[in-house]
Amino acid sequence: VFHSGKPLIHVSSEPGSNSTIFLATYDQIKNFIEDAYLLFL
């Protein structure tokens, strides 16, 4: 998920642990598909 050029990141709260890309499911983003850019990676 992107907004204003920035990706949605799951920020780690544990020291020494990497943050990760937040990977949304279809149900979480289905309401946005009609008016958002959707690109196959």
Full PDB file with SEQRES, HELIX, SHEET, SSBOND, CRYST1, ORIGX, SCALE, CONECT and MASTER records, all heavy atoms in Angstrom:
SEQRES   1 A   41  VAL PHE HIS SER GLY LYS PRO LEU ILE HIS VAL SER SER          
SEQRES   2 A   41  GLU PRO GLY SER ASN SER THR ILE PHE LEU ALA THR TYR          
SEQRES   3 A   41  ASP GLN ILE LYS ASN PHE ILE GLU ASP ALA TYR LEU LEU          
SEQRES   4 A   41  PHE LEU                                                      
HELIX    1 AA1 TYR A   26  ILE A   29  1                                   4    
HELIX    2 AA2 LYS A   30  ASP A   35  5                                   6    
SHEET    1 AA1 2 PHE A   2  HIS A   3  0                                        
SHEET    2 AA1 2 LYS A   6  PRO A   7 -1                                        
SHEET    1 AA2 2 ILE A   9  HIS A  10  0                                        
SHEET    2 AA2 2 THR A  20  ILE A  21 -1                                        
CRYST1    1.000    1.000    1.000  90.00  90.00  90.00 P 1           1          
ORIGX1      1.000000  0.000000  0.000000        0.00000                         
ORIGX2      0.000000  1.000000  0.000000        0.00000                         
ORIGX3      0.000000  0.000000  1.000000        0.00000                         
SCALE1      1.000000  0.000000  0.000000        0.00000                         
SCALE2      0.000000  1.000000  0.000000        0.00000                         
SCALE3      0.000000  0.000000  1.000000        0.00000                         
ATOM      1  N   VAL A   1       0.835  -1.203   0.000  1.00  0.00           N  
ATOM      2  CA  VAL A   1       0.000   0.000   0.000  1.00  0.00           C  
ATOM      3  C   VAL A   1       0.870   1.252   0.000  1.00  0.00           C  
ATOM      4  O   VAL A   1       1.809   1.375   0.797  1.00  0.00           O  
ATOM      5  CB  VAL A   1      -0.934   0.012   1.226  1.00  0.00           C  
ATOM      6  CG1 VAL A   1      -1.886   1.206   1.164  1.00  0.00           C  
ATOM      7  CG2 VAL A   1      -1.729  -1.301   1.306  1.00  0.00           C  
ATOM      8  N   PHE A   2       0.547   2.200  -0.905  1.00  0.00           N  
ATOM      9  CA  PHE A   2       1.262   3.470  -0.986  1.00  0.00           C  
ATOM     10  C   PHE A   2       0.297   4.635  -0.812  1.00  0.00           C  
ATOM     11  O   PHE A   2      -0.881   4.549  -1.176  1.00  0.00           O  
ATOM     12  CB  PHE A   2       1.954   3.623  -2.350  1.00  0.00           C  
ATOM     13  CG  PHE A   2       3.263   2.915  -2.472  1.00  0.00           C  
ATOM     14  CD1 PHE A   2       3.310   1.563  -2.773  1.00  0.00           C  
ATOM     15  CD2 PHE A   2       4.462   3.594  -2.295  1.00  0.00           C  
ATOM     16  CE1 PHE A   2       4.511   0.901  -2.890  1.00  0.00           C  
ATOM     17  CE2 PHE A   2       5.675   2.947  -2.404  1.00  0.00           C  
ATOM     18  CZ  PHE A   2       5.700   1.596  -2.704  1.00  0.00           C  
ATOM     19  N   HIS A   3       0.822   5.721  -0.278  1.00  0.00           N  
ATOM     20  CA  HIS A   3       0.074   6.983  -0.223  1.00  0.00           C  
ATOM     21  C   HIS A   3       1.080   8.129  -0.277  1.00  0.00           C  
ATOM     22  O   HIS A   3       2.028   8.167   0.503  1.00  0.00           O  
ATOM     23  CB  HIS A   3      -0.762   7.088   1.052  1.00  0.00           C  
ATOM     24  CG  HIS A   3      -1.795   8.181   0.997  1.00  0.00           C  
ATOM     25  ND1 HIS A   3      -1.479   9.522   0.979  1.00  0.00           N  
ATOM     26  CD2 HIS A   3      -3.152   8.121   0.902  1.00  0.00           C  
ATOM     27  CE1 HIS A   3      -2.569  10.249   0.911  1.00  0.00           C  
ATOM     28  NE2 HIS A   3      -3.607   9.418   0.860  1.00  0.00           N  
ATOM     29  N   SER A   4       0.898   9.012  -1.246  1.00  0.00           N  
ATOM     30  CA  SER A   4       1.795  10.169  -1.424  1.00  0.00           C  
ATOM     31  C   SER A   4       3.244   9.733  -1.570  1.00  0.00           C  
ATOM     32  O   SER A   4       4.160  10.381  -1.046  1.00  0.00           O  
ATOM     33  CB  SER A   4       1.649  11.155  -0.251  1.00  0.00           C  
ATOM     34  OG  SER A   4       0.319  11.597  -0.136  1.00  0.00           O  
ATOM     35  N   GLY A   5       3.460   8.630  -2.280  1.00  0.00           N  
ATOM     36  CA  GLY A   5       4.816   8.148  -2.539  1.00  0.00           C  
ATOM     37  C   GLY A   5       5.448   7.370  -1.404  1.00  0.00           C  
ATOM     38  O   GLY A   5       6.594   6.931  -1.521  1.00  0.00           O  
ATOM     39  N   LYS A   6       4.716   7.169  -0.316  1.00  0.00           N  
ATOM     40  CA  LYS A   6       5.275   6.474   0.847  1.00  0.00           C  
ATOM     41  C   LYS A   6       4.603   5.118   1.026  1.00  0.00           C  
ATOM     42  O   LYS A   6       3.381   5.014   0.975  1.00  0.00           O  
ATOM     43  CB  LYS A   6       5.082   7.315   2.113  1.00  0.00           C  
ATOM     44  CG  LYS A   6       5.771   8.668   2.058  1.00  0.00           C  
ATOM     45  CD  LYS A   6       5.465   9.473   3.309  1.00  0.00           C  
ATOM     46  CE  LYS A   6       6.126  10.842   3.253  1.00  0.00           C  
ATOM     47  NZ  LYS A   6       5.829  11.654   4.460  1.00  0.00           N  
ATOM     48  N   PRO A   7       5.398   4.071   1.252  1.00  0.00           N  
ATOM     49  CA  PRO A   7       4.826   2.739   1.489  1.00  0.00           C  
ATOM     50  C   PRO A   7       4.347   2.593   2.928  1.00  0.00           C  
ATOM     51  O   PRO A   7       4.866   3.227   3.844  1.00  0.00           O  
ATOM     52  CB  PRO A   7       6.001   1.807   1.203  1.00  0.00           C  
ATOM     53  CG  PRO A   7       7.203   2.612   1.574  1.00  0.00           C  
ATOM     54  CD  PRO A   7       6.872   4.041   1.211  1.00  0.00           C  
ATOM     55  N   LEU A   8       3.368   1.710   3.116  1.00  0.00           N  
ATOM     56  CA  LEU A   8       2.875   1.410   4.462  1.00  0.00           C  
ATOM     57  C   LEU A   8       3.804   0.369   5.086  1.00  0.00           C  
ATOM     58  O   LEU A   8       3.971  -0.740   4.560  1.00  0.00           O  
ATOM     59  CB  LEU A   8       1.439   0.880   4.392  1.00  0.00           C  
ATOM     60  CG  LEU A   8       0.730   0.675   5.732  1.00  0.00           C  
ATOM     61  CD1 LEU A   8       0.582   2.004   6.480  1.00  0.00           C  
ATOM     62  CD2 LEU A   8      -0.647   0.042   5.516  1.00  0.00           C  
ATOM     63  N   ILE A   9       4.419   0.737   6.201  1.00  0.00           N  
ATOM     64  CA  ILE A   9       5.417  -0.100   6.862  1.00  0.00           C  
ATOM     65  C   ILE A   9       4.911  -0.534   8.235  1.00  0.00           C  
ATOM     66  O   ILE A   9       4.373   0.284   8.996  1.00  0.00           O  
ATOM     67  CB  ILE A   9       6.748   0.662   7.033  1.00  0.00           C  
ATOM     68  CG1 ILE A   9       7.296   1.104   5.671  1.00  0.00           C  
ATOM     69  CG2 ILE A   9       7.769  -0.177   7.779  1.00  0.00           C  
ATOM     70  CD1 ILE A   9       7.702  -0.032   4.761  1.00  0.00           C  
ATOM     71  N   HIS A  10       5.096  -1.817   8.529  1.00  0.00           N  
ATOM     72  CA  HIS A  10       4.826  -2.294   9.880  1.00  0.00           C  
ATOM     73  C   HIS A  10       6.093  -2.052  10.699  1.00  0.00           C  
ATOM     74  O   HIS A  10       7.129  -2.692  10.473  1.00  0.00           O  
ATOM     75  CB  HIS A  10       4.463  -3.779   9.873  1.00  0.00           C  
ATOM     76  CG  HIS A  10       4.101  -4.307  11.223  1.00  0.00           C  
ATOM     77  ND1 HIS A  10       5.030  -4.833  12.096  1.00  0.00           N  
ATOM     78  CD2 HIS A  10       2.906  -4.370  11.863  1.00  0.00           C  
ATOM     79  CE1 HIS A  10       4.430  -5.207  13.203  1.00  0.00           C  
ATOM     80  NE2 HIS A  10       3.144  -4.939  13.102  1.00  0.00           N  
ATOM     81  N   VAL A  11       6.014  -1.121  11.604  1.00  0.00           N  
ATOM     82  CA  VAL A  11       7.186  -0.681  12.356  1.00  0.00           C  
ATOM     83  C   VAL A  11       7.422  -1.602  13.543  1.00  0.00           C  
ATOM     84  O   VAL A  11       6.531  -1.804  14.384  1.00  0.00           O  
ATOM     85  CB  VAL A  11       7.016   0.768  12.839  1.00  0.00           C  
ATOM     86  CG1 VAL A  11       8.257   1.224  13.609  1.00  0.00           C  
ATOM     87  CG2 VAL A  11       6.749   1.693  11.665  1.00  0.00           C  
ATOM     88  N   SER A  12       8.625  -2.155  13.602  1.00  0.00           N  
ATOM     89  CA  SER A  12       8.962  -3.059  14.704  1.00  0.00           C  
ATOM     90  C   SER A  12       9.151  -2.280  15.999  1.00  0.00           C  
ATOM     91  O   SER A  12       9.783  -1.225  16.032  1.00  0.00           O  
ATOM     92  CB  SER A  12      10.241  -3.838  14.371  1.00  0.00           C  
ATOM     93  OG  SER A  12      10.646  -4.614  15.478  1.00  0.00           O  
ATOM     94  N   SER A  13       8.609  -2.816  17.069  1.00  0.00           N  
ATOM     95  CA  SER A  13       8.762  -2.188  18.389  1.00  0.00           C  
ATOM     96  C   SER A  13       9.832  -2.867  19.216  1.00  0.00           C  
ATOM     97  O   SER A  13      10.108  -2.457  20.342  1.00  0.00           O  
ATOM     98  CB  SER A  13       7.425  -2.244  19.137  1.00  0.00           C  
ATOM     99  OG  SER A  13       6.987  -3.593  19.268  1.00  0.00           O  
ATOM    100  N   GLU A  14      10.463  -3.908  18.643  1.00  0.00           N  
ATOM    101  CA  GLU A  14      11.490  -4.643  19.366  1.00  0.00           C  
ATOM    102  C   GLU A  14      12.879  -4.223  18.904  1.00  0.00           C  
ATOM    103  O   GLU A  14      13.157  -4.216  17.702  1.00  0.00           O  
ATOM    104  CB  GLU A  14      11.314  -6.147  19.145  1.00  0.00           C  
ATOM    105  CG  GLU A  14       9.983  -6.688  19.637  1.00  0.00           C  
ATOM    106  CD  GLU A  14       9.863  -8.181  19.407  1.00  0.00           C  
ATOM    107  OE1 GLU A  14      10.877  -8.793  18.992  1.00  0.00           O  
ATOM    108  OE2 GLU A  14       8.779  -8.731  19.642  1.00  0.00           O  
ATOM    109  N   PRO A  15      13.767  -3.868  19.818  1.00  0.00           N  
ATOM    110  CA  PRO A  15      15.133  -3.461  19.451  1.00  0.00           C  
ATOM    111  C   PRO A  15      15.854  -4.559  18.676  1.00  0.00           C  
ATOM    112  O   PRO A  15      15.776  -5.742  19.021  1.00  0.00           O  
ATOM    113  CB  PRO A  15      15.803  -3.211  20.813  1.00  0.00           C  
ATOM    114  CG  PRO A  15      14.673  -2.958  21.752  1.00  0.00           C  
ATOM    115  CD  PRO A  15      13.531  -3.803  21.273  1.00  0.00           C  
ATOM    116  N   GLY A  16      16.527  -4.176  17.607  1.00  0.00           N  
ATOM    117  CA  GLY A  16      17.286  -5.129  16.819  1.00  0.00           C  
ATOM    118  C   GLY A  16      16.469  -5.911  15.819  1.00  0.00           C  
ATOM    119  O   GLY A  16      17.009  -6.741  15.084  1.00  0.00           O  
ATOM    120  N   SER A  17      15.181  -5.677  15.781  1.00  0.00           N  
ATOM    121  CA  SER A  17      14.302  -6.395  14.865  1.00  0.00           C  
ATOM    122  C   SER A  17      13.937  -5.491  13.690  1.00  0.00           C  
ATOM    123  O   SER A  17      13.647  -4.299  13.867  1.00  0.00           O  
ATOM    124  CB  SER A  17      13.035  -6.851  15.585  1.00  0.00           C  
ATOM    125  OG  SER A  17      12.144  -7.474  14.696  1.00  0.00           O  
ATOM    126  N   ASN A  18      13.955  -6.054  12.467  1.00  0.00           N  
ATOM    127  CA  ASN A  18      13.646  -5.272  11.279  1.00  0.00           C  
ATOM    128  C   ASN A  18      12.163  -4.935  11.193  1.00  0.00           C  
ATOM    129  O   ASN A  18      11.306  -5.745  11.550  1.00  0.00           O  
ATOM    130  CB  ASN A  18      14.021  -6.048  10.008  1.00  0.00           C  
ATOM    131  CG  ASN A  18      15.508  -5.977   9.718  1.00  0.00           C  
ATOM    132  OD1 ASN A  18      16.220  -5.168  10.294  1.00  0.00           O  
ATOM    133  ND2 ASN A  18      15.965  -6.841   8.832  1.00  0.00           N  
ATOM    134  N   SER A  19      11.885  -3.729  10.694  1.00  0.00           N  
ATOM    135  CA  SER A  19      10.522  -3.411  10.295  1.00  0.00           C  
ATOM    136  C   SER A  19      10.256  -4.135   8.977  1.00  0.00           C  
ATOM    137  O   SER A  19      11.181  -4.596   8.309  1.00  0.00           O  
ATOM    138  CB  SER A  19      10.358  -1.894  10.127  1.00  0.00           C  
ATOM    139  OG  SER A  19      10.559  -1.231  11.363  1.00  0.00           O  
ATOM    140  N   THR A  20       9.000  -4.231   8.567  1.00  0.00           N  
ATOM    141  CA  THR A  20       8.654  -4.975   7.360  1.00  0.00           C  
ATOM    142  C   THR A  20       7.608  -4.228   6.542  1.00  0.00           C  
ATOM    143  O   THR A  20       6.920  -3.334   7.061  1.00  0.00           O  
ATOM    144  CB  THR A  20       8.091  -6.368   7.713  1.00  0.00           C  
ATOM    145  OG1 THR A  20       6.935  -6.215   8.546  1.00  0.00           O  
ATOM    146  CG2 THR A  20       9.138  -7.214   8.427  1.00  0.00           C  
ATOM    147  N   ILE A  21       7.507  -4.601   5.269  1.00  0.00           N  
ATOM    148  CA  ILE A  21       6.404  -4.094   4.455  1.00  0.00           C  
ATOM    149  C   ILE A  21       5.103  -4.622   5.040  1.00  0.00           C  
ATOM    150  O   ILE A  21       4.998  -5.803   5.367  1.00  0.00           O  
ATOM    151  CB  ILE A  21       6.509  -4.594   3.002  1.00  0.00           C  
ATOM    152  CG1 ILE A  21       7.858  -4.253   2.382  1.00  0.00           C  
ATOM    153  CG2 ILE A  21       5.385  -4.022   2.160  1.00  0.00           C  
ATOM    154  CD1 ILE A  21       8.072  -4.892   1.017  1.00  0.00           C  
ATOM    155  N   PHE A  22       4.102  -3.758   5.154  1.00  0.00           N  
ATOM    156  CA  PHE A  22       2.795  -4.273   5.529  1.00  0.00           C  
ATOM    157  C   PHE A  22       2.132  -4.818   4.270  1.00  0.00           C  
ATOM    158  O   PHE A  22       1.907  -4.089   3.307  1.00  0.00           O  
ATOM    159  CB  PHE A  22       1.901  -3.199   6.145  1.00  0.00           C  
ATOM    160  CG  PHE A  22       0.547  -3.736   6.522  1.00  0.00           C  
ATOM    161  CD1 PHE A  22       0.376  -4.452   7.693  1.00  0.00           C  
ATOM    162  CD2 PHE A  22      -0.548  -3.562   5.689  1.00  0.00           C  
ATOM    163  CE1 PHE A  22      -0.859  -4.974   8.040  1.00  0.00           C  
ATOM    164  CE2 PHE A  22      -1.783  -4.083   6.013  1.00  0.00           C  
ATOM    165  CZ  PHE A  22      -1.942  -4.793   7.191  1.00  0.00           C  
ATOM    166  N   LEU A  23       1.830  -6.097   4.258  1.00  0.00           N  
ATOM    167  CA  LEU A  23       1.239  -6.758   3.102  1.00  0.00           C  
ATOM    168  C   LEU A  23      -0.245  -6.968   3.368  1.00  0.00           C  
ATOM    169  O   LEU A  23      -0.637  -7.841   4.149  1.00  0.00           O  
ATOM    170  CB  LEU A  23       1.944  -8.080   2.830  1.00  0.00           C  
ATOM    171  CG  LEU A  23       3.434  -7.953   2.473  1.00  0.00           C  
ATOM    172  CD1 LEU A  23       4.082  -9.333   2.390  1.00  0.00           C  
ATOM    173  CD2 LEU A  23       3.599  -7.204   1.150  1.00  0.00           C  
ATOM    174  N   ALA A  24      -1.067  -6.158   2.708  1.00  0.00           N  
ATOM    175  CA  ALA A  24      -2.506  -6.197   2.941  1.00  0.00           C  
ATOM    176  C   ALA A  24      -3.161  -7.331   2.162  1.00  0.00           C  
ATOM    177  O   ALA A  24      -2.667  -7.756   1.110  1.00  0.00           O  
ATOM    178  CB  ALA A  24      -3.130  -4.866   2.533  1.00  0.00           C  
ATOM    179  N   THR A  25      -4.270  -7.822   2.672  1.00  0.00           N  
ATOM    180  CA  THR A  25      -5.067  -8.809   1.963  1.00  0.00           C  
ATOM    181  C   THR A  25      -6.078  -8.084   1.064  1.00  0.00           C  
ATOM    182  O   THR A  25      -6.280  -6.872   1.186  1.00  0.00           O  
ATOM    183  CB  THR A  25      -5.826  -9.711   2.939  1.00  0.00           C  
ATOM    184  OG1 THR A  25      -6.758  -8.909   3.686  1.00  0.00           O  
ATOM    185  CG2 THR A  25      -4.862 -10.390   3.906  1.00  0.00           C  
ATOM    186  N   TYR A  26      -6.708  -8.845   0.204  1.00  0.00           N  
ATOM    187  CA  TYR A  26      -7.718  -8.258  -0.691  1.00  0.00           C  
ATOM    188  C   TYR A  26      -8.860  -7.629   0.105  1.00  0.00           C  
ATOM    189  O   TYR A  26      -9.320  -6.527  -0.222  1.00  0.00           O  
ATOM    190  CB  TYR A  26      -8.263  -9.324  -1.640  1.00  0.00           C  
ATOM    191  CG  TYR A  26      -9.346  -8.802  -2.562  1.00  0.00           C  
ATOM    192  CD1 TYR A  26      -9.023  -8.083  -3.711  1.00  0.00           C  
ATOM    193  CD2 TYR A  26     -10.696  -9.022  -2.274  1.00  0.00           C  
ATOM    194  CE1 TYR A  26     -10.009  -7.591  -4.545  1.00  0.00           C  
ATOM    195  CE2 TYR A  26     -11.690  -8.535  -3.108  1.00  0.00           C  
ATOM    196  CZ  TYR A  26     -11.348  -7.819  -4.248  1.00  0.00           C  
ATOM    197  OH  TYR A  26     -12.323  -7.328  -5.062  1.00  0.00           O  
ATOM    198  N   ASP A  27      -9.309  -8.297   1.150  1.00  0.00           N  
ATOM    199  CA  ASP A  27     -10.412  -7.757   1.949  1.00  0.00           C  
ATOM    200  C   ASP A  27     -10.061  -6.416   2.585  1.00  0.00           C  
ATOM    201  O   ASP A  27     -10.942  -5.573   2.804  1.00  0.00           O  
ATOM    202  CB  ASP A  27     -10.805  -8.759   3.044  1.00  0.00           C  
ATOM    203  CG  ASP A  27     -11.548  -9.968   2.482  1.00  0.00           C  
ATOM    204  OD1 ASP A  27     -12.101  -9.862   1.370  1.00  0.00           O  
ATOM    205  OD2 ASP A  27     -11.557 -11.022   3.163  1.00  0.00           O  
ATOM    206  N   GLN A  28      -8.795  -6.204   2.885  1.00  0.00           N  
ATOM    207  CA  GLN A  28      -8.387  -4.957   3.534  1.00  0.00           C  
ATOM    208  C   GLN A  28      -8.336  -3.771   2.576  1.00  0.00           C  
ATOM    209  O   GLN A  28      -8.398  -2.625   3.016  1.00  0.00           O  
ATOM    210  CB  GLN A  28      -7.023  -5.146   4.205  1.00  0.00           C  
ATOM    211  CG  GLN A  28      -7.067  -6.046   5.429  1.00  0.00           C  
ATOM    212  CD  GLN A  28      -5.695  -6.319   5.991  1.00  0.00           C  
ATOM    213  OE1 GLN A  28      -4.773  -6.732   5.282  1.00  0.00           O  
ATOM    214  NE2 GLN A  28      -5.526  -6.089   7.292  1.00  0.00           N  
ATOM    215  N   ILE A  29      -8.198  -4.034   1.272  1.00  0.00           N  
ATOM    216  CA  ILE A  29      -8.064  -2.919   0.321  1.00  0.00           C  
ATOM    217  C   ILE A  29      -9.158  -2.903  -0.751  1.00  0.00           C  
ATOM    218  O   ILE A  29      -9.155  -2.026  -1.604  1.00  0.00           O  
ATOM    219  CB  ILE A  29      -6.675  -2.947  -0.367  1.00  0.00           C  
ATOM    220  CG1 ILE A  29      -6.409  -4.305  -1.055  1.00  0.00           C  
ATOM    221  CG2 ILE A  29      -5.572  -2.662   0.651  1.00  0.00           C  
ATOM    222  CD1 ILE A  29      -6.898  -4.439  -2.438  1.00  0.00           C  
ATOM    223  N   LYS A  30     -10.104  -3.840  -0.692  1.00  0.00           N  
ATOM    224  CA  LYS A  30     -11.083  -3.964  -1.778  1.00  0.00           C  
ATOM    225  C   LYS A  30     -11.931  -2.709  -1.974  1.00  0.00           C  
ATOM    226  O   LYS A  30     -12.374  -2.423  -3.091  1.00  0.00           O  
ATOM    227  CB  LYS A  30     -11.984  -5.170  -1.541  1.00  0.00           C  
ATOM    228  CG  LYS A  30     -12.824  -5.111  -0.276  1.00  0.00           C  
ATOM    229  CD  LYS A  30     -13.624  -6.400  -0.101  1.00  0.00           C  
ATOM    230  CE  LYS A  30     -14.473  -6.355   1.160  1.00  0.00           C  
ATOM    231  NZ  LYS A  30     -15.243  -7.633   1.345  1.00  0.00           N  
ATOM    232  N   ASN A  31     -12.152  -1.940  -0.905  1.00  0.00           N  
ATOM    233  CA  ASN A  31     -12.966  -0.724  -1.028  1.00  0.00           C  
ATOM    234  C   ASN A  31     -12.257   0.396  -1.771  1.00  0.00           C  
ATOM    235  O   ASN A  31     -12.877   1.385  -2.162  1.00  0.00           O  
ATOM    236  CB  ASN A  31     -13.380  -0.232   0.360  1.00  0.00           C  
ATOM    237  CG  ASN A  31     -14.337  -1.187   1.050  1.00  0.00           C  
ATOM    238  OD1 ASN A  31     -15.098  -1.906   0.400  1.00  0.00           O  
ATOM    239  ND2 ASN A  31     -14.298  -1.206   2.378  1.00  0.00           N  
ATOM    240  N   PHE A  32     -10.937   0.252  -1.970  1.00  0.00           N  
ATOM    241  CA  PHE A  32     -10.162   1.310  -2.626  1.00  0.00           C  
ATOM    242  C   PHE A  32      -9.879   1.018  -4.097  1.00  0.00           C  
ATOM    243  O   PHE A  32      -9.402   1.893  -4.825  1.00  0.00           O  
ATOM    244  CB  PHE A  32      -8.822   1.496  -1.904  1.00  0.00           C  
ATOM    245  CG  PHE A  32      -8.950   1.935  -0.475  1.00  0.00           C  
ATOM    246  CD1 PHE A  32      -8.925   1.003   0.554  1.00  0.00           C  
ATOM    247  CD2 PHE A  32      -9.110   3.270  -0.154  1.00  0.00           C  
ATOM    248  CE1 PHE A  32      -9.036   1.390   1.867  1.00  0.00           C  
ATOM    249  CE2 PHE A  32      -9.228   3.675   1.166  1.00  0.00           C  
ATOM    250  CZ  PHE A  32      -9.191   2.736   2.186  1.00  0.00           C  
ATOM    251  N   ILE A  33     -10.139  -0.206  -4.535  1.00  0.00           N  
ATOM    252  CA  ILE A  33      -9.701  -0.629  -5.864  1.00  0.00           C  
ATOM    253  C   ILE A  33     -10.303   0.219  -6.998  1.00  0.00           C  
ATOM    254  O   ILE A  33      -9.633   0.513  -7.986  1.00  0.00           O  
ATOM    255  CB  ILE A  33     -10.014  -2.131  -6.073  1.00  0.00           C  
ATOM    256  CG1 ILE A  33      -9.026  -2.974  -5.258  1.00  0.00           C  
ATOM    257  CG2 ILE A  33      -9.926  -2.519  -7.546  1.00  0.00           C  
ATOM    258  CD1 ILE A  33      -9.207  -4.467  -5.405  1.00  0.00           C  
ATOM    259  N   GLU A  34     -11.552   0.638  -6.867  1.00  0.00           N  
ATOM    260  CA  GLU A  34     -12.227   1.343  -7.947  1.00  0.00           C  
ATOM    261  C   GLU A  34     -11.578   2.681  -8.292  1.00  0.00           C  
ATOM    262  O   GLU A  34     -11.575   3.090  -9.453  1.00  0.00           O  
ATOM    263  CB  GLU A  34     -13.699   1.573  -7.600  1.00  0.00           C  
ATOM    264  CG  GLU A  34     -14.524   0.286  -7.595  1.00  0.00           C  
ATOM    265  CD  GLU A  34     -15.991   0.564  -7.360  1.00  0.00           C  
ATOM    266  OE1 GLU A  34     -16.346   1.758  -7.197  1.00  0.00           O  
ATOM    267  OE2 GLU A  34     -16.787  -0.395  -7.328  1.00  0.00           O  
ATOM    268  N   ASP A  35     -11.036   3.388  -7.312  1.00  0.00           N  
ATOM    269  CA  ASP A  35     -10.477   4.721  -7.590  1.00  0.00           C  
ATOM    270  C   ASP A  35      -9.003   4.837  -7.192  1.00  0.00           C  
ATOM    271  O   ASP A  35      -8.521   5.907  -6.824  1.00  0.00           O  
ATOM    272  CB  ASP A  35     -11.289   5.812  -6.892  1.00  0.00           C  
ATOM    273  CG  ASP A  35     -11.365   5.620  -5.382  1.00  0.00           C  
ATOM    274  OD1 ASP A  35     -10.863   4.593  -4.888  1.00  0.00           O  
ATOM    275  OD2 ASP A  35     -11.936   6.490  -4.699  1.00  0.00           O  
ATOM    276  N   ALA A  36      -8.277   3.720  -7.240  1.00  0.00           N  
ATOM    277  CA  ALA A  36      -6.847   3.737  -6.912  1.00  0.00           C  
ATOM    278  C   ALA A  36      -6.065   3.013  -7.995  1.00  0.00           C  
ATOM    279  O   ALA A  36      -6.604   2.174  -8.719  1.00  0.00           O  
ATOM    280  CB  ALA A  36      -6.606   3.070  -5.556  1.00  0.00           C  
ATOM    281  N   TYR A  37      -4.796   3.375  -8.148  1.00  0.00           N  
ATOM    282  CA  TYR A  37      -3.923   2.661  -9.076  1.00  0.00           C  
ATOM    283  C   TYR A  37      -3.594   1.291  -8.487  1.00  0.00           C  
ATOM    284  O   TYR A  37      -3.181   1.172  -7.335  1.00  0.00           O  
ATOM    285  CB  TYR A  37      -2.622   3.431  -9.294  1.00  0.00           C  
ATOM    286  CG  TYR A  37      -2.732   4.569 -10.269  1.00  0.00           C  
ATOM    287  CD1 TYR A  37      -2.539   5.881  -9.868  1.00  0.00           C  
ATOM    288  CD2 TYR A  37      -3.017   4.336 -11.613  1.00  0.00           C  
ATOM    289  CE1 TYR A  37      -2.630   6.932 -10.763  1.00  0.00           C  
ATOM    290  CE2 TYR A  37      -3.113   5.380 -12.517  1.00  0.00           C  
ATOM    291  CZ  TYR A  37      -2.918   6.670 -12.081  1.00  0.00           C  
ATOM    292  OH  TYR A  37      -3.019   7.710 -12.967  1.00  0.00           O  
ATOM    293  N   LEU A  38      -3.781   0.242  -9.304  1.00  0.00           N  
ATOM    294  CA  LEU A  38      -3.467  -1.113  -8.893  1.00  0.00           C  
ATOM    295  C   LEU A  38      -2.474  -1.692  -9.889  1.00  0.00           C  
ATOM    296  O   LEU A  38      -2.747  -1.771 -11.087  1.00  0.00           O  
ATOM    297  CB  LEU A  38      -4.729  -1.964  -8.842  1.00  0.00           C  
ATOM    298  CG  LEU A  38      -4.609  -3.366  -8.235  1.00  0.00           C  
ATOM    299  CD1 LEU A  38      -4.225  -3.272  -6.763  1.00  0.00           C  
ATOM    300  CD2 LEU A  38      -5.913  -4.129  -8.383  1.00  0.00           C  
ATOM    301  N   LEU A  39      -1.293  -2.084  -9.419  1.00  0.00           N  
ATOM    302  CA  LEU A  39      -0.188  -2.465 -10.291  1.00  0.00           C  
ATOM    303  C   LEU A  39       0.348  -3.835  -9.905  1.00  0.00           C  
ATOM    304  O   LEU A  39       0.633  -4.094  -8.735  1.00  0.00           O  
ATOM    305  CB  LEU A  39       0.942  -1.432 -10.184  1.00  0.00           C  
ATOM    306  CG  LEU A  39       0.512   0.038 -10.228  1.00  0.00           C  
ATOM    307  CD1 LEU A  39       1.663   0.934  -9.828  1.00  0.00           C  
ATOM    308  CD2 LEU A  39      -0.006   0.385 -11.605  1.00  0.00           C  
ATOM    309  N   PHE A  40       0.521  -4.705 -10.886  1.00  0.00           N  
ATOM    310  CA  PHE A  40       1.052  -6.043 -10.637  1.00  0.00           C  
ATOM    311  C   PHE A  40       2.568  -5.981 -10.533  1.00  0.00           C  
ATOM    312  O   PHE A  40       3.249  -5.450 -11.404  1.00  0.00           O  
ATOM    313  CB  PHE A  40       0.643  -6.991 -11.763  1.00  0.00           C  
ATOM    314  CG  PHE A  40       1.191  -8.377 -11.631  1.00  0.00           C  
ATOM    315  CD1 PHE A  40       0.859  -9.168 -10.542  1.00  0.00           C  
ATOM    316  CD2 PHE A  40       2.044  -8.904 -12.593  1.00  0.00           C  
ATOM    317  CE1 PHE A  40       1.358 -10.459 -10.409  1.00  0.00           C  
ATOM    318  CE2 PHE A  40       2.547 -10.183 -12.478  1.00  0.00           C  
ATOM    319  CZ  PHE A  40       2.206 -10.965 -11.384  1.00  0.00           C  
ATOM    320  N   LEU A  41       3.115  -6.562  -9.454  1.00  0.00           N  
ATOM    321  CA  LEU A  41       4.560  -6.548  -9.225  1.00  0.00           C  
ATOM    322  C   LEU A  41       5.226  -7.873  -9.579  1.00  0.00           C  
ATOM    323  O   LEU A  41       6.338  -7.875 -10.115  1.00  0.00           O  
ATOM    324  CB  LEU A  41       4.860  -6.217  -7.754  1.00  0.00           C  
ATOM    325  CG  LEU A  41       4.344  -4.881  -7.234  1.00  0.00           C  
ATOM    326  CD1 LEU A  41       4.653  -4.740  -5.741  1.00  0.00           C  
ATOM    327  CD2 LEU A  41       4.945  -3.722  -8.022  1.00  0.00           C  
TER     328      LEU A  41                                                      
MASTER        0    0    0    2    4    0    0    6  327    1    0    4          
END                                                                             
